PDB file of N, CA and C in Angstrom:
ATOM      1  N   UNK A   1      18.734  59.958 -20.031  1.00  0.00           N
ATOM      2  CA  UNK A   1      18.827  58.916 -21.008  1.00  0.00           C
ATOM      3  C   UNK A   1      19.461  57.655 -20.397  1.00  0.00           C
ATOM      4  N   UNK A   2      18.943  56.553 -20.807  1.00  0.00           N
ATOM      5  CA  UNK A   2      19.480  55.286 -20.280  1.00  0.00           C
ATOM      6  C   UNK A   2      20.723  54.910 -21.156  1.00  0.00           C
ATOM      7  N   UNK A   3      21.722  54.426 -20.411  1.00  0.00           N
ATOM      8  CA  UNK A   3      22.979  53.968 -21.092  1.00  0.00           C
ATOM      9  C   UNK A   3      22.875  52.525 -21.392  1.00  0.00           C
ATOM     10  N   UNK A   4      23.086  52.113 -22.599  1.00  0.00           N
ATOM     11  CA  UNK A   4      23.038  50.654 -23.031  1.00  0.00           C
ATOM     12  C   UNK A   4      24.402  50.100 -23.003  1.00  0.00           C
ATOM     13  N   UNK A   5      24.575  48.980 -22.245  1.00  0.00           N
ATOM     14  CA  UNK A   5      25.894  48.326 -22.211  1.00  0.00           C
ATOM     15  C   UNK A   5      25.777  46.906 -22.639  1.00  0.00           C
ATOM     16  N   UNK A   6      26.776  46.460 -23.354  1.00  0.00           N
ATOM     17  CA  UNK A   6      26.839  45.023 -23.777  1.00  0.00           C
ATOM     18  C   UNK A   6      27.894  44.367 -22.949  1.00  0.00           C
ATOM     19  N   UNK A   7      27.537  43.892 -21.792  1.00  0.00           N
ATOM     20  CA  UNK A   7      28.510  43.315 -20.924  1.00  0.00           C
ATOM     21  C   UNK A   7      28.783  41.868 -21.261  1.00  0.00           C
ATOM     22  N   UNK A   8      28.005  41.231 -22.057  1.00  0.00           N
ATOM     23  CA  UNK A   8      28.248  39.815 -22.424  1.00  0.00           C
ATOM     24  C   UNK A   8      27.601  38.860 -21.443  1.00  0.00           C
ATOM     25  N   UNK A   9      28.356  38.412 -20.487  1.00  0.00           N
ATOM     26  CA  UNK A   9      27.852  37.405 -19.489  1.00  0.00           C
ATOM     27  C   UNK A   9      27.759  38.117 -18.143  1.00  0.00           C
ATOM     28  N   UNK A  10      26.620  37.778 -17.472  1.00  0.00           N
ATOM     29  CA  UNK A  10      26.535  38.379 -16.111  1.00  0.00           C
ATOM     30  C   UNK A  10      27.521  37.735 -15.123  1.00  0.00           C
ATOM     31  N   UNK A  11      27.917  38.443 -14.091  1.00  0.00           N
ATOM     32  CA  UNK A  11      28.867  37.883 -13.152  1.00  0.00           C
ATOM     33  C   UNK A  11      28.378  36.596 -12.478  1.00  0.00           C
ATOM     34  N   UNK A  12      27.108  36.445 -12.228  1.00  0.00           N
ATOM     35  CA  UNK A  12      26.571  35.233 -11.603  1.00  0.00           C
ATOM     36  C   UNK A  12      26.680  34.063 -12.550  1.00  0.00           C
ATOM     37  N   UNK A  13      26.415  34.264 -13.803  1.00  0.00           N
ATOM     38  CA  UNK A  13      26.537  33.200 -14.777  1.00  0.00           C
ATOM     39  C   UNK A  13      28.023  32.835 -15.028  1.00  0.00           C
ATOM     40  N   UNK A  14      28.872  33.846 -15.027  1.00  0.00           N
ATOM     41  CA  UNK A  14      30.272  33.556 -15.145  1.00  0.00           C
ATOM     42  C   UNK A  14      30.848  32.760 -14.023  1.00  0.00           C
ATOM     43  N   UNK A  15      30.433  33.078 -12.822  1.00  0.00           N
ATOM     44  CA  UNK A  15      30.845  32.340 -11.623  1.00  0.00           C
ATOM     45  C   UNK A  15      30.363  30.852 -11.653  1.00  0.00           C
ATOM     46  N   UNK A  16      29.106  30.708 -12.122  1.00  0.00           N
ATOM     47  CA  UNK A  16      28.584  29.333 -12.240  1.00  0.00           C
ATOM     48  C   UNK A  16      29.344  28.565 -13.294  1.00  0.00           C
ATOM     49  N   UNK A  17      29.700  29.157 -14.449  1.00  0.00           N
ATOM     50  CA  UNK A  17      30.443  28.438 -15.427  1.00  0.00           C
ATOM     51  C   UNK A  17      31.824  28.074 -14.922  1.00  0.00           C
ATOM     52  N   UNK A  18      32.472  28.914 -14.180  1.00  0.00           N
ATOM     53  CA  UNK A  18      33.789  28.599 -13.661  1.00  0.00           C
ATOM     54  C   UNK A  18      33.726  27.443 -12.697  1.00  0.00           C
ATOM     55  N   UNK A  19      32.658  27.414 -11.797  1.00  0.00           N
ATOM     56  CA  UNK A  19      32.489  26.315 -10.854  1.00  0.00           C
ATOM     57  C   UNK A  19      32.194  25.025 -11.614  1.00  0.00           C
ATOM     58  N   UNK A  20      31.399  25.073 -12.696  1.00  0.00           N
ATOM     59  CA  UNK A  20      31.131  23.869 -13.389  1.00  0.00           C
ATOM     60  C   UNK A  20      32.384  23.371 -14.095  1.00  0.00           C
ATOM     61  N   UNK A  21      33.163  24.240 -14.644  1.00  0.00           N
ATOM     62  CA  UNK A  21      34.443  23.842 -15.279  1.00  0.00           C
ATOM     63  C   UNK A  21      35.374  23.216 -14.276  1.00  0.00           C
ATOM     64  N   UNK A  22      35.479  23.794 -13.082  1.00  0.00           N
ATOM     65  CA  UNK A  22      36.299  23.277 -11.991  1.00  0.00           C
ATOM     66  C   UNK A  22      35.891  21.835 -11.624  1.00  0.00           C
ATOM     67  N   UNK A  23      34.575  21.618 -11.506  1.00  0.00           N
ATOM     68  CA  UNK A  23      34.066  20.288 -11.155  1.00  0.00           C
ATOM     69  C   UNK A  23      34.387  19.244 -12.220  1.00  0.00           C
ATOM     70  N   UNK A  24      34.268  19.638 -13.482  1.00  0.00           N
ATOM     71  CA  UNK A  24      34.552  18.745 -14.569  1.00  0.00           C
ATOM     72  C   UNK A  24      36.050  18.400 -14.552  1.00  0.00           C
ATOM     73  N   UNK A  25      36.890  19.348 -14.354  1.00  0.00           N
ATOM     74  CA  UNK A  25      38.345  19.115 -14.338  1.00  0.00           C
ATOM     75  C   UNK A  25      38.711  18.197 -13.134  1.00  0.00           C
ATOM     76  N   UNK A  26      38.104  18.371 -11.965  1.00  0.00           N
ATOM     77  CA  UNK A  26      38.391  17.538 -10.814  1.00  0.00           C
ATOM     78  C   UNK A  26      37.956  16.079 -11.161  1.00  0.00           C
ATOM     79  N   UNK A  27      36.843  15.923 -11.770  1.00  0.00           N
ATOM     80  CA  UNK A  27      36.319  14.586 -12.077  1.00  0.00           C
ATOM     81  C   UNK A  27      37.220  13.924 -13.092  1.00  0.00           C
ATOM     82  N   UNK A  28      37.735  14.654 -14.110  1.00  0.00           N
ATOM     83  CA  UNK A  28      38.601  14.057 -15.078  1.00  0.00           C
ATOM     84  C   UNK A  28      39.962  13.614 -14.422  1.00  0.00           C
ATOM     85  N   UNK A  29      40.473  14.438 -13.522  1.00  0.00           N
ATOM     86  CA  UNK A  29      41.752  14.077 -12.845  1.00  0.00           C
ATOM     87  C   UNK A  29      41.518  12.837 -11.969  1.00  0.00           C
ATOM     88  N   UNK A  30      40.395  12.744 -11.239  1.00  0.00           N
ATOM     89  CA  UNK A  30      40.069  11.609 -10.418  1.00  0.00           C
ATOM     90  C   UNK A  30      39.959  10.305 -11.249  1.00  0.00           C
ATOM     91  N   UNK A  31      39.282  10.442 -12.465  1.00  0.00           N
ATOM     92  CA  UNK A  31      39.147   9.300 -13.287  1.00  0.00           C
ATOM     93  C   UNK A  31      40.522   8.793 -13.778  1.00  0.00           C
ATOM     94  N   UNK A  32      41.402   9.697 -14.193  1.00  0.00           N
ATOM     95  CA  UNK A  32      42.709   9.298 -14.643  1.00  0.00           C
ATOM     96  C   UNK A  32      43.558   8.724 -13.496  1.00  0.00           C
ATOM     97  N   UNK A  33      43.477   9.334 -12.332  1.00  0.00           N
ATOM     98  CA  UNK A  33      44.254   8.716 -11.224  1.00  0.00           C
ATOM     99  C   UNK A  33      43.737   7.327 -10.863  1.00  0.00           C
ATOM    100  N   UNK A  34      42.463   7.171 -10.814  1.00  0.00           N
ATOM    101  CA  UNK A  34      41.845   5.821 -10.497  1.00  0.00           C
ATOM    102  C   UNK A  34      42.223   4.823 -11.580  1.00  0.00           C
ATOM    103  N   UNK A  35      42.338   5.231 -12.859  1.00  0.00           N
ATOM    104  CA  UNK A  35      42.755   4.368 -13.908  1.00  0.00           C
ATOM    105  C   UNK A  35      44.186   3.917 -13.723  1.00  0.00           C
ATOM    106  N   UNK A  36      45.069   4.821 -13.278  1.00  0.00           N
ATOM    107  CA  UNK A  36      46.449   4.471 -13.041  1.00  0.00           C
ATOM    108  C   UNK A  36      46.599   3.556 -11.824  1.00  0.00           C
ATOM    109  N   UNK A  37      45.872   3.847 -10.805  1.00  0.00           N
ATOM    110  CA  UNK A  37      45.979   3.063  -9.571  1.00  0.00           C
ATOM    111  C   UNK A  37      45.275   1.700  -9.742  1.00  0.00           C
ATOM    112  N   UNK A  38      44.345   1.547 -10.670  1.00  0.00           N
ATOM    113  CA  UNK A  38      43.761   0.277 -10.929  1.00  0.00           C
ATOM    114  C   UNK A  38      44.743  -0.702 -11.533  1.00  0.00           C
ATOM    115  N   UNK A  39      45.737  -0.190 -12.277  1.00  0.00           N
ATOM    116  CA  UNK A  39      46.745  -1.078 -12.907  1.00  0.00           C
ATOM    117  C   UNK A  39      47.875  -1.434 -11.939  1.00  0.00           C
ATOM    118  N   UNK A  40      47.927  -0.723 -10.836  1.00  0.00           N
ATOM    119  CA  UNK A  40      49.028  -0.956  -9.865  1.00  0.00           C
ATOM    120  C   UNK A  40      48.761  -2.217  -9.102  1.00  0.00           C
ATOM    121  N   UNK A  41      49.682  -3.145  -9.024  1.00  0.00           N
ATOM    122  CA  UNK A  41      49.573  -4.319  -8.194  1.00  0.00           C
ATOM    123  C   UNK A  41      50.597  -4.245  -7.102  1.00  0.00           C
ATOM    124  N   UNK A  42      50.219  -4.251  -5.843  1.00  0.00           N
ATOM    125  CA  UNK A  42      51.183  -4.172  -4.791  1.00  0.00           C
ATOM    126  C   UNK A  42      52.036  -5.398  -4.665  1.00  0.00           C
ATOM    127  N   UNK A  43      53.220  -5.264  -4.181  1.00  0.00           N
ATOM    128  CA  UNK A  43      54.145  -6.289  -3.973  1.00  0.00           C
ATOM    129  C   UNK A  43      54.244  -6.566  -2.467  1.00  0.00           C
ATOM    130  N   UNK A  44      54.024  -7.812  -2.070  1.00  0.00           N
ATOM    131  CA  UNK A  44      54.065  -8.127  -0.642  1.00  0.00           C
ATOM    132  C   UNK A  44      55.340  -8.954  -0.373  1.00  0.00           C
ATOM    133  N   UNK A  45      55.847  -8.764   0.838  1.00  0.00           N
ATOM    134  CA  UNK A  45      56.962  -9.617   1.255  1.00  0.00           C
ATOM    135  C   UNK A  45      56.390 -10.924   1.761  1.00  0.00           C
ATOM    136  N   UNK A  46      56.935 -12.008   1.244  1.00  0.00           N
ATOM    137  CA  UNK A  46      56.520 -13.344   1.639  1.00  0.00           C
ATOM    138  C   UNK A  46      57.710 -14.110   2.174  1.00  0.00           C
ATOM    139  N   UNK A  47      57.402 -15.025   3.006  1.00  0.00           N
ATOM    140  CA  UNK A  47      58.461 -15.845   3.653  1.00  0.00           C
ATOM    141  C   UNK A  47      58.212 -17.363   3.426  1.00  0.00           C
ATOM    142  N   UNK A  48      59.110 -18.005   2.686  1.00  0.00           N
ATOM    143  CA  UNK A  48      59.009 -19.388   2.453  1.00  0.00           C
ATOM    144  C   UNK A  48      60.342 -19.987   2.560  1.00  0.00           C
ATOM    145  N   UNK A  49      60.505 -21.168   3.152  1.00  0.00           N
ATOM    146  CA  UNK A  49      61.782 -21.830   3.309  1.00  0.00           C
ATOM    147  C   UNK A  49      61.930 -22.930   2.238  1.00  0.00           C
ATOM    148  N   UNK A  50      63.180 -23.104   1.796  1.00  0.00           N
ATOM    149  CA  UNK A  50      63.522 -24.060   0.775  1.00  0.00           C
ATOM    150  C   UNK A  50      64.584 -25.000   1.260  1.00  0.00           C
ATOM    151  N   UNK A  51      64.614 -26.252   0.705  1.00  0.00           N
ATOM    152  CA  UNK A  51      65.747 -27.086   0.882  1.00  0.00           C
ATOM    153  C   UNK A  51      66.409 -27.303  -0.470  1.00  0.00           C
ATOM    154  N   UNK A  52      67.715 -27.376  -0.519  1.00  0.00           N
ATOM    155  CA  UNK A  52      68.466 -27.484  -1.738  1.00  0.00           C
ATOM    156  C   UNK A  52      69.380 -28.649  -1.589  1.00  0.00           C
ATOM    157  N   UNK A  53      69.189 -29.635  -2.525  1.00  0.00           N
ATOM    158  CA  UNK A  53      70.063 -30.836  -2.565  1.00  0.00           C
ATOM    159  C   UNK A  53      70.825 -30.740  -3.851  1.00  0.00           C
ATOM    160  N   UNK A  54      72.193 -30.737  -3.718  1.00  0.00           N
ATOM    161  CA  UNK A  54      73.057 -30.552  -4.883  1.00  0.00           C
ATOM    162  C   UNK A  54      73.685 -31.894  -5.216  1.00  0.00           C
ATOM    163  N   UNK A  55      73.608 -32.270  -6.459  1.00  0.00           N
ATOM    164  CA  UNK A  55      74.350 -33.482  -6.893  1.00  0.00           C
ATOM    165  C   UNK A  55      75.498 -33.037  -7.742  1.00  0.00           C
ATOM    166  N   UNK A  56      76.692 -33.144  -7.249  1.00  0.00           N
ATOM    167  CA  UNK A  56      77.852 -32.584  -7.943  1.00  0.00           C
ATOM    168  C   UNK A  56      78.312 -33.477  -9.073  1.00  0.00           C
ATOM    169  N   UNK A  57      77.889 -34.782  -9.116  1.00  0.00           N
ATOM    170  CA  UNK A  57      78.349 -35.657 -10.157  1.00  0.00           C
ATOM    171  C   UNK A  57      77.708 -35.281 -11.557  1.00  0.00           C
ATOM    172  N   UNK A  58      76.449 -34.945 -11.547  1.00  0.00           N
ATOM    173  CA  UNK A  58      75.853 -34.531 -12.794  1.00  0.00           C
ATOM    174  C   UNK A  58      75.361 -33.063 -12.780  1.00  0.00           C
ATOM    175  N   UNK A  59      75.903 -32.256 -11.899  1.00  0.00           N
ATOM    176  CA  UNK A  59      75.604 -30.857 -11.856  1.00  0.00           C
ATOM    177  C   UNK A  59      74.102 -30.476 -11.842  1.00  0.00           C
ATOM    178  N   UNK A  60      73.376 -31.127 -10.928  1.00  0.00           N
ATOM    179  CA  UNK A  60      71.967 -30.792 -10.810  1.00  0.00           C
ATOM    180  C   UNK A  60      71.669 -30.458  -9.392  1.00  0.00           C
ATOM    181  N   UNK A  61      70.561 -29.815  -9.129  1.00  0.00           N
ATOM    182  CA  UNK A  61      70.142 -29.405  -7.882  1.00  0.00           C
ATOM    183  C   UNK A  61      68.590 -29.597  -7.760  1.00  0.00           C
ATOM    184  N   UNK A  62      68.164 -30.105  -6.590  1.00  0.00           N
ATOM    185  CA  UNK A  62      66.756 -30.219  -6.309  1.00  0.00           C
ATOM    186  C   UNK A  62      66.368 -29.175  -5.279  1.00  0.00           C
ATOM    187  N   UNK A  63      65.522 -28.294  -5.652  1.00  0.00           N
ATOM    188  CA  UNK A  63      65.095 -27.209  -4.795  1.00  0.00           C
ATOM    189  C   UNK A  63      63.606 -27.382  -4.436  1.00  0.00           C
ATOM    190  N   UNK A  64      63.319 -27.511  -3.173  1.00  0.00           N
ATOM    191  CA  UNK A  64      61.946 -27.855  -2.748  1.00  0.00           C
ATOM    192  C   UNK A  64      61.466 -26.860  -1.718  1.00  0.00           C
ATOM    193  N   UNK A  65      60.346 -26.189  -1.851  1.00  0.00           N
ATOM    194  CA  UNK A  65      59.772 -25.392  -0.783  1.00  0.00           C
ATOM    195  C   UNK A  65      59.260 -26.270   0.322  1.00  0.00           C
ATOM    196  N   UNK A  66      59.601 -25.973   1.581  1.00  0.00           N
ATOM    197  CA  UNK A  66      59.221 -26.880   2.704  1.00  0.00           C
ATOM    198  C   UNK A  66      58.531 -26.237   3.832  1.00  0.00           C
ATOM    199  N   UNK A  67      58.758 -24.961   4.059  1.00  0.00           N
ATOM    200  CA  UNK A  67      58.116 -24.335   5.271  1.00  0.00           C
ATOM    201  C   UNK A  67      57.921 -22.840   5.052  1.00  0.00           C
ATOM    202  N   UNK A  68      57.194 -22.276   5.998  1.00  0.00           N
ATOM    203  CA  UNK A  68      56.941 -20.837   5.984  1.00  0.00           C
ATOM    204  C   UNK A  68      55.432 -20.553   6.065  1.00  0.00           C
ATOM    205  N   UNK A  69      55.091 -19.482   6.679  1.00  0.00           N
ATOM    206  CA  UNK A  69      53.669 -19.121   6.786  1.00  0.00           C
ATOM    207  C   UNK A  69      52.984 -18.844   5.452  1.00  0.00           C
ATOM    208  N   UNK A  70      53.789 -18.464   4.413  1.00  0.00           N
ATOM    209  CA  UNK A  70      53.186 -18.181   3.124  1.00  0.00           C
ATOM    210  C   UNK A  70      53.277 -19.361   2.182  1.00  0.00           C
ATOM    211  N   UNK A  71      53.690 -20.519   2.612  1.00  0.00           N
ATOM    212  CA  UNK A  71      53.797 -21.679   1.760  1.00  0.00           C
ATOM    213  C   UNK A  71      52.487 -22.062   1.027  1.00  0.00           C
ATOM    214  N   UNK A  72      51.301 -21.994   1.685  1.00  0.00           N
ATOM    215  CA  UNK A  72      50.120 -22.323   1.035  1.00  0.00           C
ATOM    216  C   UNK A  72      49.792 -21.404  -0.117  1.00  0.00           C
ATOM    217  N   UNK A  73      50.299 -20.177  -0.145  1.00  0.00           N
ATOM    218  CA  UNK A  73      49.971 -19.183  -1.152  1.00  0.00           C
ATOM    219  C   UNK A  73      51.028 -19.217  -2.271  1.00  0.00           C
ATOM    220  N   UNK A  74      52.055 -20.012  -2.166  1.00  0.00           N
ATOM    221  CA  UNK A  74      53.132 -20.046  -3.193  1.00  0.00           C
ATOM    222  C   UNK A  74      52.546 -20.714  -4.461  1.00  0.00           C
ATOM    223  N   UNK A  75      52.627 -19.980  -5.576  1.00  0.00           N
ATOM    224  CA  UNK A  75      52.209 -20.542  -6.825  1.00  0.00           C
ATOM    225  C   UNK A  75      53.381 -20.897  -7.723  1.00  0.00           C
ATOM    226  N   UNK A  76      54.444 -20.218  -7.692  1.00  0.00           N
ATOM    227  CA  UNK A  76      55.631 -20.515  -8.510  1.00  0.00           C
ATOM    228  C   UNK A  76      56.857 -19.776  -7.851  1.00  0.00           C
ATOM    229  N   UNK A  77      58.021 -20.155  -8.261  1.00  0.00           N
ATOM    230  CA  UNK A  77      59.203 -19.467  -7.831  1.00  0.00           C
ATOM    231  C   UNK A  77      60.286 -19.448  -8.902  1.00  0.00           C
ATOM    232  N   UNK A  78      61.249 -18.569  -8.859  1.00  0.00           N
ATOM    233  CA  UNK A  78      62.275 -18.480  -9.780  1.00  0.00           C
ATOM    234  C   UNK A  78      63.596 -18.466  -9.069  1.00  0.00           C
ATOM    235  N   UNK A  79      64.543 -19.262  -9.536  1.00  0.00           N
ATOM    236  CA  UNK A  79      65.816 -19.437  -8.931  1.00  0.00           C
ATOM    237  C   UNK A  79      66.841 -18.784  -9.855  1.00  0.00           C
ATOM    238  N   UNK A  80      67.646 -17.906  -9.314  1.00  0.00           N
ATOM    239  CA  UNK A  80      68.722 -17.208 -10.017  1.00  0.00           C
ATOM    240  C   UNK A  80      70.055 -17.811  -9.685  1.00  0.00           C
ATOM    241  N   UNK A  81      70.856 -18.130 -10.710  1.00  0.00           N
ATOM    242  CA  UNK A  81      72.145 -18.642 -10.457  1.00  0.00           C
ATOM    243  C   UNK A  81      73.185 -17.656 -11.083  1.00  0.00           C
ATOM    244  N   UNK A  82      74.438 -17.947 -10.890  1.00  0.00           N
ATOM    245  CA  UNK A  82      75.442 -17.027 -11.477  1.00  0.00           C
ATOM    246  C   UNK A  82      75.512 -17.169 -12.991  1.00  0.00           C
ATOM    247  N   UNK A  83      75.057 -18.248 -13.522  1.00  0.00           N
ATOM    248  CA  UNK A  83      75.181 -18.434 -15.034  1.00  0.00           C
ATOM    249  C   UNK A  83      73.834 -18.631 -15.691  1.00  0.00           C
ATOM    250  N   UNK A  84      72.771 -18.186 -15.030  1.00  0.00           N
ATOM    251  CA  UNK A  84      71.427 -18.264 -15.646  1.00  0.00           C
ATOM    252  C   UNK A  84      70.330 -18.338 -14.646  1.00  0.00           C
ATOM    253  N   UNK A  85      69.237 -18.846 -15.012  1.00  0.00           N
ATOM    254  CA  UNK A  85      68.078 -18.994 -14.099  1.00  0.00           C
ATOM    255  C   UNK A  85      67.210 -20.115 -14.467  1.00  0.00           C
ATOM    256  N   UNK A  86      66.548 -20.694 -13.475  1.00  0.00           N
ATOM    257  CA  UNK A  86      65.599 -21.784 -13.678  1.00  0.00           C
ATOM    258  C   UNK A  86      64.256 -21.339 -13.229  1.00  0.00           C
ATOM    259  N   UNK A  87      63.199 -21.722 -13.981  1.00  0.00           N
ATOM    260  CA  UNK A  87      61.846 -21.400 -13.524  1.00  0.00           C
ATOM    261  C   UNK A  87      61.186 -22.679 -13.091  1.00  0.00           C
ATOM    262  N   UNK A  88      60.308 -22.541 -12.087  1.00  0.00           N
ATOM    263  CA  UNK A  88      59.533 -23.638 -11.643  1.00  0.00           C
ATOM    264  C   UNK A  88      58.051 -23.354 -11.941  1.00  0.00           C
ATOM    265  N   UNK A  89      57.348 -24.171 -12.736  1.00  0.00           N
ATOM    266  CA  UNK A  89      55.988 -23.926 -13.059  1.00  0.00           C
ATOM    267  C   UNK A  89      55.025 -24.132 -11.873  1.00  0.00           C
ATOM    268  N   UNK A  90      55.447 -24.848 -10.892  1.00  0.00           N
ATOM    269  CA  UNK A  90      54.590 -25.134  -9.722  1.00  0.00           C
ATOM    270  C   UNK A  90      55.514 -25.260  -8.478  1.00  0.00           C
ATOM    271  N   UNK A  91      54.948 -25.120  -7.231  1.00  0.00           N
ATOM    272  CA  UNK A  91      55.726 -25.200  -6.070  1.00  0.00           C
ATOM    273  C   UNK A  91      56.483 -26.578  -5.947  1.00  0.00           C
ATOM    274  N   UNK A  92      55.897 -27.625  -6.443  1.00  0.00           N
ATOM    275  CA  UNK A  92      56.522 -28.963  -6.361  1.00  0.00           C
ATOM    276  C   UNK A  92      57.479 -29.196  -7.537  1.00  0.00           C
ATOM    277  N   UNK A  93      57.491 -28.367  -8.507  1.00  0.00           N
ATOM    278  CA  UNK A  93      58.222 -28.612  -9.732  1.00  0.00           C
ATOM    279  C   UNK A  93      59.678 -28.314  -9.640  1.00  0.00           C
TER     280      UNK A  93
END
């Protein structure tokens, strides 16, 4: 007599399904990592020289970028002082 078995899924089909699931999981991880890395903006060290002219009579200072290899790429700068900060909207400002 023949013995009838209900094994469900054949081993070949089970292996194929596991491989497909693994590929889908790897693709999802790669997409999420690329999404995170796409938002990352690297910070570069730049070198720019400034001159500072201080007028003690009216408590002002003139800060001017004057030299450095990265001077053409300077778009703005921020000056921090002990009692606050000043922003410059442009390199000449």
